[in-house]
C-alpha cells in the first residue's frame, strides 16, 4: 500500500509541474478564442442599442 501511495504522489507532482506552465500553444488558443469575440462585440452592442430604442418607442404607443 505504501508503494502505491508513493507512486501516486510522484505522479501528482509530475502533473503539477507540467500543468503550471503557460505555453505558447495556450497563448495561441486564447488568442484564437478572443479575436472573434472582439470583432463581433461592437456589432452586438449596436444591435442591442437599436433594439432597445425600437422597443422603447413601440412600448410608448
PDB file of N, CA and C in Angstrom:
ATOM      1  N   UNK A   1       0.821  -1.194   0.000  1.00  0.00           N
ATOM      2  CA  UNK A   1       0.000   0.000   0.000  1.00  0.00           C
ATOM      3  C   UNK A   1       0.863   1.256   0.000  1.00  0.00           C
ATOM      4  N   UNK A   2       1.952   1.217   0.762  1.00  0.00           N
ATOM      5  CA  UNK A   2       2.821   2.382   0.834  1.00  0.00           C
ATOM      6  C   UNK A   2       3.484   2.653  -0.515  1.00  0.00           C
ATOM      7  N   UNK A   3       3.876   1.607  -1.209  1.00  0.00           N
ATOM      8  CA  UNK A   3       4.481   1.785  -2.527  1.00  0.00           C
ATOM      9  C   UNK A   3       3.486   2.417  -3.500  1.00  0.00           C
ATOM     10  N   UNK A   4       2.259   1.954  -3.460  1.00  0.00           N
ATOM     11  CA  UNK A   4       1.228   2.511  -4.333  1.00  0.00           C
ATOM     12  C   UNK A   4       1.019   3.990  -4.024  1.00  0.00           C
ATOM     13  N   UNK A   5       0.975   4.329  -2.741  1.00  0.00           N
ATOM     14  CA  UNK A   5       0.751   5.719  -2.326  1.00  0.00           C
ATOM     15  C   UNK A   5       1.905   6.602  -2.808  1.00  0.00           C
ATOM     16  N   UNK A   6       3.133   6.109  -2.683  1.00  0.00           N
ATOM     17  CA  UNK A   6       4.285   6.892  -3.129  1.00  0.00           C
ATOM     18  C   UNK A   6       4.268   7.088  -4.643  1.00  0.00           C
ATOM     19  N   UNK A   7       3.859   6.073  -5.384  1.00  0.00           N
ATOM     20  CA  UNK A   7       3.757   6.206  -6.840  1.00  0.00           C
ATOM     21  C   UNK A   7       2.714   7.251  -7.220  1.00  0.00           C
ATOM     22  N   UNK A   8       1.593   7.247  -6.517  1.00  0.00           N
ATOM     23  CA  UNK A   8       0.532   8.211  -6.813  1.00  0.00           C
ATOM     24  C   UNK A   8       1.001   9.632  -6.508  1.00  0.00           C
ATOM     25  N   UNK A   9       1.685   9.816  -5.396  1.00  0.00           N
ATOM     26  CA  UNK A   9       2.187  11.150  -5.054  1.00  0.00           C
ATOM     27  C   UNK A   9       3.201  11.629  -6.088  1.00  0.00           C
ATOM     28  N   UNK A  10       4.043  10.729  -6.562  1.00  0.00           N
ATOM     29  CA  UNK A  10       5.036  11.085  -7.562  1.00  0.00           C
ATOM     30  C   UNK A  10       4.368  11.483  -8.879  1.00  0.00           C
ATOM     31  N   UNK A  11       3.330  10.763  -9.272  1.00  0.00           N
ATOM     32  CA  UNK A  11       2.587  11.107 -10.488  1.00  0.00           C
ATOM     33  C   UNK A  11       1.954  12.484 -10.360  1.00  0.00           C
ATOM     34  N   UNK A  12       1.371  12.775  -9.198  1.00  0.00           N
ATOM     35  CA  UNK A  12       0.724  14.065  -8.996  1.00  0.00           C
ATOM     36  C   UNK A  12       1.749  15.203  -9.040  1.00  0.00           C
ATOM     37  N   UNK A  13       2.911  14.977  -8.477  1.00  0.00           N
ATOM     38  CA  UNK A  13       3.950  16.009  -8.519  1.00  0.00           C
ATOM     39  C   UNK A  13       4.371  16.291  -9.951  1.00  0.00           C
ATOM     40  N   UNK A  14       4.521  15.264 -10.755  1.00  0.00           N
ATOM     41  CA  UNK A  14       4.899  15.452 -12.156  1.00  0.00           C
ATOM     42  C   UNK A  14       3.810  16.207 -12.907  1.00  0.00           C
ATOM     43  N   UNK A  15       2.542  15.857 -12.652  1.00  0.00           N
ATOM     44  CA  UNK A  15       1.437  16.535 -13.334  1.00  0.00           C
ATOM     45  C   UNK A  15       1.368  18.001 -12.944  1.00  0.00           C
ATOM     46  N   UNK A  16       1.599  18.307 -11.678  1.00  0.00           N
ATOM     47  CA  UNK A  16       1.556  19.702 -11.245  1.00  0.00           C
ATOM     48  C   UNK A  16       2.669  20.512 -11.892  1.00  0.00           C
ATOM     49  N   UNK A  17       3.843  19.929 -12.010  1.00  0.00           N
ATOM     50  CA  UNK A  17       4.948  20.650 -12.628  1.00  0.00           C
ATOM     51  C   UNK A  17       4.660  20.936 -14.094  1.00  0.00           C
ATOM     52  N   UNK A  18       4.073  20.016 -14.788  1.00  0.00           N
ATOM     53  CA  UNK A  18       3.784  20.202 -16.208  1.00  0.00           C
ATOM     54  C   UNK A  18       2.623  21.160 -16.436  1.00  0.00           C
ATOM     55  N   UNK A  19       1.625  21.168 -15.568  1.00  0.00           N
ATOM     56  CA  UNK A  19       0.415  21.955 -15.785  1.00  0.00           C
ATOM     57  C   UNK A  19       0.563  23.414 -15.385  1.00  0.00           C
ATOM     58  N   UNK A  20       1.581  23.780 -14.638  1.00  0.00           N
ATOM     59  CA  UNK A  20       1.715  25.150 -14.172  1.00  0.00           C
ATOM     60  C   UNK A  20       2.243  26.098 -15.245  1.00  0.00           C
ATOM     61  N   UNK A  21       2.842  25.568 -16.277  1.00  0.00           N
ATOM     62  CA  UNK A  21       3.438  26.427 -17.297  1.00  0.00           C
ATOM     63  C   UNK A  21       2.382  26.880 -18.305  1.00  0.00           C
ATOM     64  N   UNK A  22       2.471  28.156 -18.668  1.00  0.00           N
ATOM     65  CA  UNK A  22       1.609  28.719 -19.701  1.00  0.00           C
ATOM     66  C   UNK A  22       2.397  28.670 -21.001  1.00  0.00           C
ATOM     67  N   UNK A  23       2.040  27.778 -21.878  1.00  0.00           N
ATOM     68  CA  UNK A  23       2.837  27.529 -23.067  1.00  0.00           C
ATOM     69  C   UNK A  23       2.401  28.423 -24.225  1.00  0.00           C
ATOM     70  N   UNK A  24       3.193  28.385 -25.263  1.00  0.00           N
ATOM     71  CA  UNK A  24       2.876  29.147 -26.469  1.00  0.00           C
ATOM     72  C   UNK A  24       1.584  28.643 -27.096  1.00  0.00           C
ATOM     73  N   UNK A  25       1.347  27.349 -27.036  1.00  0.00           N
ATOM     74  CA  UNK A  25       0.099  26.783 -27.554  1.00  0.00           C
ATOM     75  C   UNK A  25      -1.113  27.295 -26.793  1.00  0.00           C
ATOM     76  N   UNK A  26      -0.971  27.479 -25.481  1.00  0.00           N
ATOM     77  CA  UNK A  26      -2.055  28.051 -24.682  1.00  0.00           C
ATOM     78  C   UNK A  26      -2.340  29.487 -25.117  1.00  0.00           C
ATOM     79  N   UNK A  27      -1.267  30.237 -25.373  1.00  0.00           N
ATOM     80  CA  UNK A  27      -1.426  31.616 -25.821  1.00  0.00           C
ATOM     81  C   UNK A  27      -2.152  31.686 -27.163  1.00  0.00           C
ATOM     82  N   UNK A  28      -1.752  30.841 -28.093  1.00  0.00           N
ATOM     83  CA  UNK A  28      -2.380  30.825 -29.422  1.00  0.00           C
ATOM     84  C   UNK A  28      -3.856  30.462 -29.304  1.00  0.00           C
ATOM     85  N   UNK A  29      -4.173  29.475 -28.480  1.00  0.00           N
ATOM     86  CA  UNK A  29      -5.580  29.082 -28.328  1.00  0.00           C
ATOM     87  C   UNK A  29      -6.392  30.207 -27.688  1.00  0.00           C
ATOM     88  N   UNK A  30      -5.806  30.932 -26.735  1.00  0.00           N
ATOM     89  CA  UNK A  30      -6.507  32.064 -26.134  1.00  0.00           C
ATOM     90  C   UNK A  30      -6.768  33.158 -27.160  1.00  0.00           C
ATOM     91  N   UNK A  31      -5.781  33.440 -27.969  1.00  0.00           N
ATOM     92  CA  UNK A  31      -5.939  34.478 -28.998  1.00  0.00           C
ATOM     93  C   UNK A  31      -7.009  34.066 -30.001  1.00  0.00           C
ATOM     94  N   UNK A  32      -6.982  32.822 -30.432  1.00  0.00           N
ATOM     95  CA  UNK A  32      -7.980  32.354 -31.401  1.00  0.00           C
ATOM     96  C   UNK A  32      -9.394  32.368 -30.825  1.00  0.00           C
ATOM     97  N   UNK A  33      -9.510  32.237 -29.511  1.00  0.00           N
ATOM     98  CA  UNK A  33     -10.838  32.291 -28.889  1.00  0.00           C
ATOM     99  C   UNK A  33     -11.329  33.727 -28.748  1.00  0.00           C
ATOM    100  N   UNK A  34     -10.433  34.680 -28.479  1.00  0.00           N
ATOM    101  CA  UNK A  34     -10.841  36.045 -28.191  1.00  0.00           C
ATOM    102  C   UNK A  34     -10.973  36.935 -29.417  1.00  0.00           C
ATOM    103  N   UNK A  35     -10.254  36.668 -30.483  1.00  0.00           N
ATOM    104  CA  UNK A  35     -10.307  37.535 -31.665  1.00  0.00           C
ATOM    105  C   UNK A  35     -11.722  37.623 -32.237  1.00  0.00           C
ATOM    106  N   UNK A  36     -12.432  36.521 -32.452  1.00  0.00           N
ATOM    107  CA  UNK A  36     -13.796  36.655 -32.983  1.00  0.00           C
ATOM    108  C   UNK A  36     -14.721  37.426 -32.037  1.00  0.00           C
ATOM    109  N   UNK A  37     -14.536  37.241 -30.729  1.00  0.00           N
ATOM    110  CA  UNK A  37     -15.370  37.970 -29.782  1.00  0.00           C
ATOM    111  C   UNK A  37     -15.109  39.463 -29.864  1.00  0.00           C
ATOM    112  N   UNK A  38     -13.854  39.854 -29.969  1.00  0.00           N
ATOM    113  CA  UNK A  38     -13.535  41.278 -30.046  1.00  0.00           C
ATOM    114  C   UNK A  38     -14.003  41.903 -31.346  1.00  0.00           C
ATOM    115  N   UNK A  39     -14.032  41.130 -32.412  1.00  0.00           N
ATOM    116  CA  UNK A  39     -14.506  41.653 -33.692  1.00  0.00           C
ATOM    117  C   UNK A  39     -16.027  41.809 -33.671  1.00  0.00           C
ATOM    118  N   UNK A  40     -16.741  40.864 -33.097  1.00  0.00           N
ATOM    119  CA  UNK A  40     -18.200  40.888 -33.119  1.00  0.00           C
ATOM    120  C   UNK A  40     -18.826  41.769 -32.023  1.00  0.00           C
ATOM    121  N   UNK A  41     -18.082  42.096 -30.986  1.00  0.00           N
ATOM    122  CA  UNK A  41     -18.650  42.872 -29.874  1.00  0.00           C
ATOM    123  C   UNK A  41     -19.234  44.216 -30.296  1.00  0.00           C
ATOM    124  N   UNK A  42     -18.557  45.035 -31.108  1.00  0.00           N
ATOM    125  CA  UNK A  42     -19.164  46.318 -31.497  1.00  0.00           C
ATOM    126  C   UNK A  42     -20.484  46.152 -32.257  1.00  0.00           C
ATOM    127  N   UNK A  43     -20.571  45.143 -33.108  1.00  0.00           N
ATOM    128  CA  UNK A  43     -21.815  44.917 -33.843  1.00  0.00           C
ATOM    129  C   UNK A  43     -22.941  44.492 -32.915  1.00  0.00           C
ATOM    130  N   UNK A  44     -22.608  43.663 -31.924  1.00  0.00           N
ATOM    131  CA  UNK A  44     -23.619  43.259 -30.950  1.00  0.00           C
ATOM    132  C   UNK A  44     -24.111  44.449 -30.144  1.00  0.00           C
ATOM    133  N   UNK A  45     -23.196  45.324 -29.751  1.00  0.00           N
ATOM    134  CA  UNK A  45     -23.594  46.498 -28.962  1.00  0.00           C
ATOM    135  C   UNK A  45     -24.499  47.419 -29.765  1.00  0.00           C
ATOM    136  N   UNK A  46     -24.184  47.615 -31.045  1.00  0.00           N
ATOM    137  CA  UNK A  46     -25.042  48.441 -31.903  1.00  0.00           C
ATOM    138  C   UNK A  46     -26.417  47.798 -32.045  1.00  0.00           C
ATOM    139  N   UNK A  47     -26.448  46.487 -32.236  1.00  0.00           N
ATOM    140  CA  UNK A  47     -27.708  45.768 -32.363  1.00  0.00           C
ATOM    141  C   UNK A  47     -28.549  45.919 -31.096  1.00  0.00           C
ATOM    142  N   UNK A  48     -27.923  45.737 -29.915  1.00  0.00           N
ATOM    143  CA  UNK A  48     -28.650  45.869 -28.652  1.00  0.00           C
ATOM    144  C   UNK A  48     -29.154  47.294 -28.444  1.00  0.00           C
ATOM    145  N   UNK A  49     -28.354  48.283 -28.848  1.00  0.00           N
ATOM    146  CA  UNK A  49     -28.751  49.680 -28.700  1.00  0.00           C
ATOM    147  C   UNK A  49     -29.980  49.981 -29.555  1.00  0.00           C
ATOM    148  N   UNK A  50     -29.941  49.615 -30.827  1.00  0.00           N
ATOM    149  CA  UNK A  50     -31.086  49.866 -31.706  1.00  0.00           C
ATOM    150  C   UNK A  50     -32.313  49.077 -31.260  1.00  0.00           C
ATOM    151  N   UNK A  51     -32.121  47.852 -30.827  1.00  0.00           N
ATOM    152  CA  UNK A  51     -33.244  47.041 -30.363  1.00  0.00           C
ATOM    153  C   UNK A  51     -33.904  47.669 -29.140  1.00  0.00           C
ATOM    154  N   UNK A  52     -33.083  48.178 -28.240  1.00  0.00           N
ATOM    155  CA  UNK A  52     -33.635  48.843 -27.056  1.00  0.00           C
ATOM    156  C   UNK A  52     -34.387  50.115 -27.411  1.00  0.00           C
ATOM    157  N   UNK A  53     -33.844  50.879 -28.339  1.00  0.00           N
ATOM    158  CA  UNK A  53     -34.515  52.119 -28.756  1.00  0.00           C
ATOM    159  C   UNK A  53     -35.838  51.797 -29.435  1.00  0.00           C
ATOM    160  N   UNK A  54     -35.839  50.833 -30.330  1.00  0.00           N
ATOM    161  CA  UNK A  54     -37.071  50.462 -31.038  1.00  0.00           C
ATOM    162  C   UNK A  54     -38.114  49.923 -30.072  1.00  0.00           C
ATOM    163  N   UNK A  55     -37.702  49.102 -29.114  1.00  0.00           N
ATOM    164  CA  UNK A  55     -38.664  48.578 -28.130  1.00  0.00           C
ATOM    165  C   UNK A  55     -39.257  49.683 -27.283  1.00  0.00           C
ATOM    166  N   UNK A  56     -38.421  50.626 -26.875  1.00  0.00           N
ATOM    167  CA  UNK A  56     -38.936  51.717 -26.030  1.00  0.00           C
ATOM    168  C   UNK A  56     -39.889  52.606 -26.823  1.00  0.00           C
ATOM    169  N   UNK A  57     -39.649  52.808 -28.130  1.00  0.00           N
ATOM    170  CA  UNK A  57     -40.548  53.614 -28.957  1.00  0.00           C
ATOM    171  C   UNK A  57     -41.888  52.905 -29.110  1.00  0.00           C
ATOM    172  N   UNK A  58     -41.866  51.591 -29.426  1.00  0.00           N
ATOM    173  CA  UNK A  58     -43.118  50.874 -29.638  1.00  0.00           C
ATOM    174  C   UNK A  58     -43.898  50.638 -28.347  1.00  0.00           C
ATOM    175  N   UNK A  59     -43.220  50.569 -27.211  1.00  0.00           N
ATOM    176  CA  UNK A  59     -43.927  50.386 -25.946  1.00  0.00           C
ATOM    177  C   UNK A  59     -44.643  51.662 -25.519  1.00  0.00           C
ATOM    178  N   UNK A  60     -44.157  52.817 -25.972  1.00  0.00           N
ATOM    179  CA  UNK A  60     -44.792  54.076 -25.579  1.00  0.00           C
ATOM    180  C   UNK A  60     -46.091  54.318 -26.348  1.00  0.00           C
ATOM    181  N   UNK A  61     -46.286  53.635 -27.478  1.00  0.00           N
ATOM    182  CA  UNK A  61     -47.518  53.833 -28.244  1.00  0.00           C
ATOM    183  C   UNK A  61     -48.568  52.882 -27.841  1.00  0.00           C
TER     184      UNK A  61
END
